[in-house]
Amino acid sequence: MTQPLVSIITASYNQGQFIEDTLRSVRDQDYPKVEHIVIDGASTDQTVDILKRYAGTYPMRWISEPDQGHADALCKGFRQANGDILAWLNSDDVYLPGAIRQAVDIFQRYPDTDLVHGDIWVIDADGQVLSKRRLTLLDTYDFVGQGNCLAQPATFWTRRIYDRVGGIDPRYYFQMDLEFFIRVAAVGRLRHLRAYLAKMRIHPDGKMVKAEQIRLKELGELQKLYLTRAGARDLWGLRYTRPFLLSRQFMRFALQGDFLYASRKVWQRMCDGRLFRESRR
């Protein structure tokens, strides 16, 4: 690919206090071929005024109309996308400088790559950094066994893999990204980029806080569905146990030079009792 077009989809609803940061982070990227499509669900706050103000300042287009929720808005946006590389950036998350260029570079250097995911900063409502989260190589077993263990705002994939697996499933309220990544990992080539690409915002009005029970319910449904598809004999097999998956991830961190980081994460999980429970984003 020679400077492929990158399509960024943002689904929005009443996130006016954050969406300007999101728009600005896409506008200020140093990669020249980007289209930003914002699908707003008829927000009643200042969101539409902000979108009008940014329209025309960079390649961004938007609509504001009622929809059937987050996943429905994403599907609508991806249907309009023209890019060879796709991603979605939530209306309260932001890209770090150079994120898109770094992701595109991996796709160009390794043409067989279907999905690239990087590391992430976790920030609060005021933009203050709460933590810097590193990741490592992942596969289907990681997603099914541990939940969404990559950073969705720091993830990019090709149009060909999106079309091959059938895109986003609009039936999911919370875990539409995990369910999509499971299908991609089952047939595609994933690469981890050891660089911080985005900031993921945690705040009281976010779905991760307000819809925790829905998240856990959908996670349980997905695990049951995909573990069963793997075969009943594997349902409680070694590959799906938390200790095995965590040990394997620890070795991957060590091999990529993050031994001390991984050691601290294991110690933190031991101290707060989460060592063998499902991972939280």
C-alpha atoms as a PDB file:
ATOM      1  CA  MET A   1       0.000   0.000   0.000  1.00  0.00           C
ATOM      2  CA  THR A   2       1.266   3.494  -0.877  1.00  0.00           C
ATOM      3  CA  GLN A   3      -0.190   5.881   1.679  1.00  0.00           C
ATOM      4  CA  PRO A   4      -3.517   4.052   2.072  1.00  0.00           C
ATOM      5  CA  LEU A   5      -6.581   5.977   3.145  1.00  0.00           C
ATOM      6  CA  VAL A   6      -7.387   5.474   6.837  1.00  0.00           C
ATOM      7  CA  SER A   7     -11.040   5.733   7.917  1.00  0.00           C
ATOM      8  CA  ILE A   8     -11.708   6.596  11.560  1.00  0.00           C
ATOM      9  CA  ILE A   9     -15.269   6.099  12.833  1.00  0.00           C
ATOM     10  CA  THR A  10     -16.532   7.880  15.945  1.00  0.00           C
ATOM     11  CA  ALA A  11     -19.913   6.999  17.439  1.00  0.00           C
ATOM     12  CA  SER A  12     -21.188   9.815  19.618  1.00  0.00           C
ATOM     13  CA  TYR A  13     -24.034  10.586  21.968  1.00  0.00           C
ATOM     14  CA  ASN A  14     -24.032  13.476  24.473  1.00  0.00           C
ATOM     15  CA  GLN A  15     -20.259  13.515  24.905  1.00  0.00           C
ATOM     16  CA  GLY A  16     -19.928  17.225  24.252  1.00  0.00           C
ATOM     17  CA  GLN A  17     -17.507  17.751  27.111  1.00  0.00           C
ATOM     18  CA  PHE A  18     -15.008  15.347  25.485  1.00  0.00           C
ATOM     19  CA  ILE A  19     -15.629  15.159  21.749  1.00  0.00           C
ATOM     20  CA  GLU A  20     -13.647  18.267  20.861  1.00  0.00           C
ATOM     21  CA  ASP A  21     -10.509  16.584  22.210  1.00  0.00           C
ATOM     22  CA  THR A  22     -11.358  13.549  20.075  1.00  0.00           C
ATOM     23  CA  LEU A  23     -11.820  15.608  16.900  1.00  0.00           C
ATOM     24  CA  ARG A  24      -8.676  17.604  17.513  1.00  0.00           C
ATOM     25  CA  SER A  25      -6.603  14.454  18.070  1.00  0.00           C
ATOM     26  CA  VAL A  26      -7.611  13.136  14.627  1.00  0.00           C
ATOM     27  CA  ARG A  27      -7.254  16.502  12.904  1.00  0.00           C
ATOM     28  CA  ASP A  28      -3.727  17.007  14.252  1.00  0.00           C
ATOM     29  CA  GLN A  29      -2.316  13.657  13.103  1.00  0.00           C
ATOM     30  CA  ASP A  30       0.745  13.871  10.860  1.00  0.00           C
ATOM     31  CA  TYR A  31      -0.521  11.255   8.400  1.00  0.00           C
ATOM     32  CA  PRO A  32      -1.986  12.933   5.278  1.00  0.00           C
ATOM     33  CA  LYS A  33      -4.697  10.507   4.118  1.00  0.00           C
ATOM     34  CA  VAL A  34      -7.366  10.267   6.823  1.00  0.00           C
ATOM     35  CA  GLU A  35     -11.138  10.518   6.712  1.00  0.00           C
ATOM     36  CA  HIS A  36     -13.045  10.942   9.971  1.00  0.00           C
ATOM     37  CA  ILE A  37     -16.704   9.922  10.058  1.00  0.00           C
ATOM     38  CA  VAL A  38     -18.731  10.908  13.125  1.00  0.00           C
ATOM     39  CA  ILE A  39     -22.087   9.196  13.660  1.00  0.00           C
ATOM     40  CA  ASP A  40     -23.977  11.098  16.331  1.00  0.00           C
ATOM     41  CA  GLY A  41     -27.148   9.678  17.852  1.00  0.00           C
ATOM     42  CA  ALA A  42     -29.085  12.974  17.959  1.00  0.00           C
ATOM     43  CA  SER A  43     -27.237  14.427  20.922  1.00  0.00           C
ATOM     44  CA  THR A  44     -29.025  17.041  23.010  1.00  0.00           C
ATOM     45  CA  ASP A  45     -25.916  18.687  24.443  1.00  0.00           C
ATOM     46  CA  GLN A  46     -23.293  20.861  22.687  1.00  0.00           C
ATOM     47  CA  THR A  47     -22.014  18.011  20.477  1.00  0.00           C
ATOM     48  CA  VAL A  48     -23.681  19.165  17.246  1.00  0.00           C
ATOM     49  CA  ASP A  49     -22.422  22.737  17.671  1.00  0.00           C
ATOM     50  CA  ILE A  50     -18.881  21.402  18.053  1.00  0.00           C
ATOM     51  CA  LEU A  51     -19.236  19.172  14.994  1.00  0.00           C
ATOM     52  CA  LYS A  52     -20.453  22.129  12.927  1.00  0.00           C
ATOM     53  CA  ARG A  53     -17.486  24.181  14.069  1.00  0.00           C
ATOM     54  CA  TYR A  54     -14.953  21.499  13.048  1.00  0.00           C
ATOM     55  CA  ALA A  55     -16.623  20.601   9.734  1.00  0.00           C
ATOM     56  CA  GLY A  56     -14.433  21.833   6.893  1.00  0.00           C
ATOM     57  CA  THR A  57     -11.300  22.238   9.029  1.00  0.00           C
ATOM     58  CA  TYR A  58     -10.106  18.738   8.089  1.00  0.00           C
ATOM     59  CA  PRO A  59     -11.541  15.700   6.197  1.00  0.00           C
ATOM     60  CA  MET A  60     -14.404  15.041   8.604  1.00  0.00           C
ATOM     61  CA  ARG A  61     -18.054  14.429   7.848  1.00  0.00           C
ATOM     62  CA  TRP A  62     -20.862  13.791  10.272  1.00  0.00           C
ATOM     63  CA  ILE A  63     -24.529  13.046  10.705  1.00  0.00           C
ATOM     64  CA  SER A  64     -26.764  13.455  13.748  1.00  0.00           C
ATOM     65  CA  GLU A  65     -29.860  11.276  13.861  1.00  0.00           C
ATOM     66  CA  PRO A  66     -31.446   8.687  16.153  1.00  0.00           C
ATOM     67  CA  ASP A  67     -29.892   5.217  16.011  1.00  0.00           C
ATOM     68  CA  GLN A  68     -30.139   1.872  17.759  1.00  0.00           C
ATOM     69  CA  GLY A  69     -27.073   2.357  19.957  1.00  0.00           C
ATOM     70  CA  HIS A  70     -23.286   2.284  19.826  1.00  0.00           C
ATOM     71  CA  ALA A  71     -22.846  -0.811  17.652  1.00  0.00           C
ATOM     72  CA  ASP A  72     -25.518   0.334  15.206  1.00  0.00           C
ATOM     73  CA  ALA A  73     -23.771   3.700  14.838  1.00  0.00           C
ATOM     74  CA  LEU A  74     -20.429   1.980  14.207  1.00  0.00           C
ATOM     75  CA  CYS A  75     -21.942  -0.249  11.517  1.00  0.00           C
ATOM     76  CA  LYS A  76     -23.451   2.825   9.887  1.00  0.00           C
ATOM     77  CA  GLY A  77     -20.086   4.577   9.916  1.00  0.00           C
ATOM     78  CA  PHE A  78     -18.110   1.652   8.500  1.00  0.00           C
ATOM     79  CA  ARG A  79     -20.619   1.300   5.663  1.00  0.00           C
ATOM     80  CA  GLN A  80     -19.725   4.863   4.649  1.00  0.00           C
ATOM     81  CA  ALA A  81     -15.965   4.395   5.026  1.00  0.00           C
ATOM     82  CA  ASN A  82     -13.716   4.419   1.963  1.00  0.00           C
ATOM     83  CA  GLY A  83     -10.424   3.507   3.602  1.00  0.00           C
ATOM     84  CA  ASP A  84      -8.191   0.460   3.204  1.00  0.00           C
ATOM     85  CA  ILE A  85      -7.391   0.712   6.920  1.00  0.00           C
ATOM     86  CA  LEU A  86     -10.156   1.112   9.508  1.00  0.00           C
ATOM     87  CA  ALA A  87     -10.486   2.002  13.179  1.00  0.00           C
ATOM     88  CA  TRP A  88     -12.928   3.484  15.614  1.00  0.00           C
ATOM     89  CA  LEU A  89     -12.215   6.108  18.209  1.00  0.00           C
ATOM     90  CA  ASN A  90     -14.825   6.642  20.890  1.00  0.00           C
ATOM     91  CA  SER A  91     -16.081  10.175  21.447  1.00  0.00           C
ATOM     92  CA  ASP A  92     -14.314  10.391  24.821  1.00  0.00           C
ATOM     93  CA  ASP A  93     -10.973   8.886  23.720  1.00  0.00           C
ATOM     94  CA  VAL A  94      -8.089  10.562  21.866  1.00  0.00           C
ATOM     95  CA  TYR A  95      -5.162   9.618  19.655  1.00  0.00           C
ATOM     96  CA  LEU A  96      -1.625  10.441  20.673  1.00  0.00           C
ATOM     97  CA  PRO A  97       0.471  12.342  18.103  1.00  0.00           C
ATOM     98  CA  GLY A  98       1.754  10.125  15.283  1.00  0.00           C
ATOM     99  CA  ALA A  99      -0.566   7.218  16.114  1.00  0.00           C
ATOM    100  CA  ILE A 100      -2.025   6.732  12.641  1.00  0.00           C
ATOM    101  CA  ARG A 101       1.321   7.100  10.877  1.00  0.00           C
ATOM    102  CA  GLN A 102       2.921   4.479  13.137  1.00  0.00           C
ATOM    103  CA  ALA A 103       0.089   2.010  12.548  1.00  0.00           C
ATOM    104  CA  VAL A 104       0.178   2.504   8.770  1.00  0.00           C
ATOM    105  CA  ASP A 105       3.931   1.927   8.802  1.00  0.00           C
ATOM    106  CA  ILE A 106       3.394  -1.554  10.263  1.00  0.00           C
ATOM    107  CA  PHE A 107       0.831  -2.431   7.582  1.00  0.00           C
ATOM    108  CA  GLN A 108       3.249  -1.244   4.895  1.00  0.00           C
ATOM    109  CA  ARG A 109       6.231  -3.117   6.322  1.00  0.00           C
ATOM    110  CA  TYR A 110       4.256  -6.328   6.870  1.00  0.00           C
ATOM    111  CA  PRO A 111       1.594  -6.598   4.126  1.00  0.00           C
ATOM    112  CA  ASP A 112       0.220  -9.847   5.575  1.00  0.00           C
ATOM    113  CA  THR A 113      -0.894  -8.005   8.727  1.00  0.00           C
ATOM    114  CA  ASP A 114      -4.647  -7.835   9.325  1.00  0.00           C
ATOM    115  CA  LEU A 115      -4.742  -5.975  12.657  1.00  0.00           C
ATOM    116  CA  VAL A 116      -2.274  -3.750  14.531  1.00  0.00           C
ATOM    117  CA  HIS A 117      -2.731  -2.844  18.185  1.00  0.00           C
ATOM    118  CA  GLY A 118      -0.585  -0.607  20.350  1.00  0.00           C
ATOM    119  CA  ASP A 119      -0.230   0.487  23.946  1.00  0.00           C
ATOM    120  CA  ILE A 120      -2.418   3.042  25.698  1.00  0.00           C
ATOM    121  CA  TRP A 121      -2.649   5.706  28.365  1.00  0.00           C
ATOM    122  CA  VAL A 122      -5.637   5.606  30.715  1.00  0.00           C
ATOM    123  CA  ILE A 123      -6.883   9.091  31.624  1.00  0.00           C
ATOM    124  CA  ASP A 124      -9.641  10.557  33.795  1.00  0.00           C
ATOM    125  CA  ALA A 125     -12.400  13.034  32.951  1.00  0.00           C
ATOM    126  CA  ASP A 126      -9.948  15.942  33.214  1.00  0.00           C
ATOM    127  CA  GLY A 127      -7.362  14.302  30.978  1.00  0.00           C
ATOM    128  CA  GLN A 128      -4.988  13.424  33.801  1.00  0.00           C
ATOM    129  CA  VAL A 129      -3.007  10.222  33.218  1.00  0.00           C
ATOM    130  CA  LEU A 130      -4.044   7.439  35.602  1.00  0.00           C
ATOM    131  CA  SER A 131      -1.777   4.752  34.170  1.00  0.00           C
ATOM    132  CA  LYS A 132       0.194   3.726  31.094  1.00  0.00           C
ATOM    133  CA  ARG A 133      -0.855   0.295  29.937  1.00  0.00           C
ATOM    134  CA  ARG A 134       1.461  -1.859  27.846  1.00  0.00           C
ATOM    135  CA  LEU A 135       0.327  -4.871  25.855  1.00  0.00           C
ATOM    136  CA  THR A 136       1.849  -7.794  24.025  1.00  0.00           C
ATOM    137  CA  LEU A 137       1.056 -10.379  21.360  1.00  0.00           C
ATOM    138  CA  LEU A 138      -2.469 -11.811  21.532  1.00  0.00           C
ATOM    139  CA  ASP A 139      -4.461 -14.628  19.960  1.00  0.00           C
ATOM    140  CA  THR A 140      -7.954 -16.098  20.061  1.00  0.00           C
ATOM    141  CA  TYR A 141      -7.361 -17.919  23.348  1.00  0.00           C
ATOM    142  CA  ASP A 142      -6.414 -14.650  25.059  1.00  0.00           C
ATOM    143  CA  PHE A 143      -9.616 -12.935  23.912  1.00  0.00           C
ATOM    144  CA  VAL A 144     -11.898 -15.826  24.818  1.00  0.00           C
ATOM    145  CA  GLY A 145     -10.195 -16.687  28.086  1.00  0.00           C
ATOM    146  CA  GLN A 146      -9.560 -13.192  29.426  1.00  0.00           C
ATOM    147  CA  GLY A 147     -11.985 -10.837  27.721  1.00  0.00           C
ATOM    148  CA  ASN A 148     -10.955  -7.739  25.805  1.00  0.00           C
ATOM    149  CA  CYS A 149      -7.245  -7.724  26.547  1.00  0.00           C
ATOM    150  CA  LEU A 150      -6.169  -5.229  23.897  1.00  0.00           C
ATOM    151  CA  ALA A 151      -6.730  -1.473  23.769  1.00  0.00           C
ATOM    152  CA  GLN A 152      -9.524  -0.793  21.264  1.00  0.00           C
ATOM    153  CA  PRO A 153      -8.724   2.950  20.784  1.00  0.00           C
ATOM    154  CA  ALA A 154      -5.147   1.946  19.860  1.00  0.00           C
ATOM    155  CA  THR A 155      -6.209  -0.679  17.296  1.00  0.00           C
ATOM    156  CA  PHE A 156      -6.342  -0.558  13.487  1.00  0.00           C
ATOM    157  CA  TRP A 157      -7.299  -3.231  10.957  1.00  0.00           C
ATOM    158  CA  THR A 158      -7.632  -3.716   7.219  1.00  0.00           C
ATOM    159  CA  ARG A 159     -10.762  -3.420   5.160  1.00  0.00           C
ATOM    160  CA  ARG A 160     -10.165  -6.929   3.833  1.00  0.00           C
ATOM    161  CA  ILE A 161     -10.332  -8.547   7.282  1.00  0.00           C
ATOM    162  CA  TYR A 162     -13.344  -6.440   8.288  1.00  0.00           C
ATOM    163  CA  ASP A 163     -15.263  -7.629   5.232  1.00  0.00           C
ATOM    164  CA  ARG A 164     -14.001 -11.198   5.574  1.00  0.00           C
ATOM    165  CA  VAL A 165     -15.319 -11.686   9.119  1.00  0.00           C
ATOM    166  CA  GLY A 166     -18.551  -9.788   8.522  1.00  0.00           C
ATOM    167  CA  GLY A 167     -17.900  -6.538  10.405  1.00  0.00           C
ATOM    168  CA  ILE A 168     -19.351  -5.410  13.732  1.00  0.00           C
ATOM    169  CA  ASP A 169     -22.266  -7.384  15.150  1.00  0.00           C
ATOM    170  CA  PRO A 170     -24.909  -4.786  16.176  1.00  0.00           C
ATOM    171  CA  ARG A 171     -26.575  -7.181  18.626  1.00  0.00           C
ATOM    172  CA  TYR A 172     -23.994  -6.408  21.317  1.00  0.00           C
ATOM    173  CA  TYR A 173     -24.347  -3.368  23.558  1.00  0.00           C
ATOM    174  CA  PHE A 174     -20.932  -3.485  25.218  1.00  0.00           C
ATOM    175  CA  GLN A 175     -18.750  -6.311  23.913  1.00  0.00           C
ATOM    176  CA  MET A 176     -19.099  -5.619  20.183  1.00  0.00           C
ATOM    177  CA  ASP A 177     -15.367  -4.937  20.015  1.00  0.00           C
ATOM    178  CA  LEU A 178     -14.377  -8.145  21.840  1.00  0.00           C
ATOM    179  CA  GLU A 179     -16.696 -10.256  19.685  1.00  0.00           C
ATOM    180  CA  PHE A 180     -15.260  -8.648  16.540  1.00  0.00           C
ATOM    181  CA  PHE A 181     -11.654  -9.154  17.674  1.00  0.00           C
ATOM    182  CA  ILE A 182     -12.328 -12.829  18.468  1.00  0.00           C
ATOM    183  CA  ARG A 183     -13.463 -13.378  14.879  1.00  0.00           C
ATOM    184  CA  VAL A 184     -10.505 -11.445  13.478  1.00  0.00           C
ATOM    185  CA  ALA A 185      -7.979 -13.345  15.622  1.00  0.00           C
ATOM    186  CA  ALA A 186      -9.430 -16.677  14.514  1.00  0.00           C
ATOM    187  CA  VAL A 187      -8.529 -16.118  10.845  1.00  0.00           C
ATOM    188  CA  GLY A 188      -6.211 -13.080  10.682  1.00  0.00           C
ATOM    189  CA  ARG A 189      -2.644 -12.033  11.432  1.00  0.00           C
ATOM    190  CA  LEU A 190      -2.291  -9.734  14.486  1.00  0.00           C
ATOM    191  CA  ARG A 191       0.748  -7.629  15.308  1.00  0.00           C
ATOM    192  CA  HIS A 192       1.516  -5.663  18.460  1.00  0.00           C
ATOM    193  CA  LEU A 193       3.160  -2.263  18.029  1.00  0.00           C
ATOM    194  CA  ARG A 194       5.244  -1.448  21.094  1.00  0.00           C
ATOM    195  CA  ALA A 195       4.249   2.206  21.209  1.00  0.00           C
ATOM    196  CA  TYR A 196       1.602   4.306  22.949  1.00  0.00           C
ATOM    197  CA  LEU A 197      -1.020   5.242  20.365  1.00  0.00           C
ATOM    198  CA  ALA A 198      -4.060   6.556  22.240  1.00  0.00           C
ATOM    199  CA  LYS A 199      -5.615   7.703  25.495  1.00  0.00           C
ATOM    200  CA  MET A 200      -8.634   5.825  26.853  1.00  0.00           C
ATOM    201  CA  ARG A 201     -10.801   7.926  29.149  1.00  0.00           C
ATOM    202  CA  ILE A 202     -12.411   6.517  32.299  1.00  0.00           C
ATOM    203  CA  HIS A 203     -15.173   8.701  33.748  1.00  0.00           C
ATOM    204  CA  PRO A 204     -18.460   8.280  35.677  1.00  0.00           C
ATOM    205  CA  ASP A 205     -20.673   8.718  32.594  1.00  0.00           C
ATOM    206  CA  GLY A 206     -18.800   6.189  30.465  1.00  0.00           C
ATOM    207  CA  LYS A 207     -20.221   2.775  29.588  1.00  0.00           C
ATOM    208  CA  MET A 208     -17.355   1.036  31.344  1.00  0.00           C
ATOM    209  CA  VAL A 209     -18.575   2.510  34.626  1.00  0.00           C
ATOM    210  CA  LYS A 210     -22.347   2.685  34.106  1.00  0.00           C
ATOM    211  CA  ALA A 211     -22.855  -0.659  32.350  1.00  0.00           C
ATOM    212  CA  GLU A 212     -20.555  -2.997  34.260  1.00  0.00           C
ATOM    213  CA  GLN A 213     -23.206  -5.683  34.716  1.00  0.00           C
ATOM    214  CA  ILE A 214     -24.027  -5.681  31.000  1.00  0.00           C
ATOM    215  CA  ARG A 215     -20.328  -5.967  30.208  1.00  0.00           C
ATOM    216  CA  LEU A 216     -19.911  -9.010  32.431  1.00  0.00           C
ATOM    217  CA  LYS A 217     -23.101 -10.639  31.149  1.00  0.00           C
ATOM    218  CA  GLU A 218     -22.066 -10.268  27.509  1.00  0.00           C
ATOM    219  CA  LEU A 219     -18.544 -11.458  28.324  1.00  0.00           C
ATOM    220  CA  GLY A 220     -19.956 -14.628  29.864  1.00  0.00           C
ATOM    221  CA  GLU A 221     -22.169 -15.219  26.835  1.00  0.00           C
ATOM    222  CA  LEU A 222     -19.255 -14.790  24.426  1.00  0.00           C
ATOM    223  CA  GLN A 223     -16.992 -17.092  26.402  1.00  0.00           C
ATOM    224  CA  LYS A 224     -19.641 -19.791  26.480  1.00  0.00           C
ATOM    225  CA  LEU A 225     -20.337 -19.392  22.753  1.00  0.00           C
ATOM    226  CA  TYR A 226     -16.755 -19.489  21.527  1.00  0.00           C
ATOM    227  CA  LEU A 227     -15.457 -22.055  24.000  1.00  0.00           C
ATOM    228  CA  THR A 228     -18.276 -24.370  22.978  1.00  0.00           C
ATOM    229  CA  ARG A 229     -17.388 -23.845  19.321  1.00  0.00           C
ATOM    230  CA  ALA A 230     -13.826 -24.880  20.161  1.00  0.00           C
ATOM    231  CA  GLY A 231     -15.153 -28.254  21.313  1.00  0.00           C
ATOM    232  CA  ALA A 232     -16.540 -29.595  24.568  1.00  0.00           C
ATOM    233  CA  ARG A 233     -13.277 -31.361  25.420  1.00  0.00           C
ATOM    234  CA  ASP A 234     -11.483 -28.010  25.396  1.00  0.00           C
ATOM    235  CA  LEU A 235     -14.072 -26.199  27.518  1.00  0.00           C
ATOM    236  CA  TRP A 236     -12.094 -26.703  30.727  1.00  0.00           C
ATOM    237  CA  GLY A 237      -8.815 -27.463  28.993  1.00  0.00           C
ATOM    238  CA  LEU A 238      -5.459 -26.051  29.965  1.00  0.00           C
ATOM    239  CA  ARG A 239      -5.505 -23.511  27.162  1.00  0.00           C
ATOM    240  CA  TYR A 240      -8.466 -21.695  28.710  1.00  0.00           C
ATOM    241  CA  THR A 241      -7.321 -21.495  32.302  1.00  0.00           C
ATOM    242  CA  ARG A 242      -6.345 -18.124  33.706  1.00  0.00           C
ATOM    243  CA  PRO A 243      -3.000 -19.286  35.166  1.00  0.00           C
ATOM    244  CA  PHE A 244      -1.859 -20.645  31.810  1.00  0.00           C
ATOM    245  CA  LEU A 245      -2.931 -17.574  29.856  1.00  0.00           C
ATOM    246  CA  LEU A 246      -1.343 -15.201  32.361  1.00  0.00           C
ATOM    247  CA  SER A 247       1.875 -17.207  32.413  1.00  0.00           C
ATOM    248  CA  ARG A 248       2.031 -17.150  28.632  1.00  0.00           C
ATOM    249  CA  GLN A 249       1.458 -13.388  28.569  1.00  0.00           C
ATOM    250  CA  PHE A 250       4.145 -12.903  31.203  1.00  0.00           C
ATOM    251  CA  MET A 251       6.650 -14.737  28.987  1.00  0.00           C
ATOM    252  CA  ARG A 252       5.675 -12.601  26.001  1.00  0.00           C
ATOM    253  CA  PHE A 253       6.209  -9.424  28.020  1.00  0.00           C
ATOM    254  CA  ALA A 254       9.607 -10.706  29.138  1.00  0.00           C
ATOM    255  CA  LEU A 255      10.640 -11.547  25.578  1.00  0.00           C
ATOM    256  CA  GLN A 256       9.732  -8.062  24.336  1.00  0.00           C
ATOM    257  CA  GLY A 257      11.757  -6.419  27.112  1.00  0.00           C
ATOM    258  CA  ASP A 258       8.951  -5.626  29.571  1.00  0.00           C
ATOM    259  CA  PHE A 259       9.875  -8.073  32.334  1.00  0.00           C
ATOM    260  CA  LEU A 260       9.751  -5.480  35.132  1.00  0.00           C
ATOM    261  CA  TYR A 261       6.434  -4.082  33.898  1.00  0.00           C
ATOM    262  CA  ALA A 262       4.867  -7.551  33.794  1.00  0.00           C
ATOM    263  CA  SER A 263       6.237  -8.376  37.237  1.00  0.00           C
ATOM    264  CA  ARG A 264       4.624  -5.256  38.703  1.00  0.00           C
ATOM    265  CA  LYS A 265       1.281  -6.121  37.077  1.00  0.00           C
ATOM    266  CA  VAL A 266       1.339  -9.633  38.539  1.00  0.00           C
ATOM    267  CA  TRP A 267       2.172  -8.238  41.971  1.00  0.00           C
ATOM    268  CA  GLN A 268      -0.688  -5.713  41.732  1.00  0.00           C
ATOM    269  CA  ARG A 269      -3.135  -8.456  40.787  1.00  0.00           C
ATOM    270  CA  MET A 270      -1.984 -10.583  43.694  1.00  0.00           C
ATOM    271  CA  CYS A 271      -2.431  -7.684  46.107  1.00  0.00           C
ATOM    272  CA  ASP A 272      -5.957  -6.791  44.967  1.00  0.00           C
ATOM    273  CA  GLY A 273      -7.154 -10.376  44.518  1.00  0.00           C
ATOM    274  CA  ARG A 274      -7.573 -10.234  40.731  1.00  0.00           C
ATOM    275  CA  LEU A 275      -4.836 -12.648  39.715  1.00  0.00           C
ATOM    276  CA  PHE A 276      -7.213 -15.333  38.457  1.00  0.00           C
ATOM    277  CA  ARG A 277     -10.304 -13.262  37.713  1.00  0.00           C
ATOM    278  CA  GLU A 278     -11.245 -11.953  34.282  1.00  0.00           C
ATOM    279  CA  SER A 279      -9.203  -8.990  33.115  1.00  0.00           C
ATOM    280  CA  ARG A 280     -10.622  -5.458  33.295  1.00  0.00           C
ATOM    281  CA  ARG A 281      -9.888  -2.883  30.643  1.00  0.00           C
END
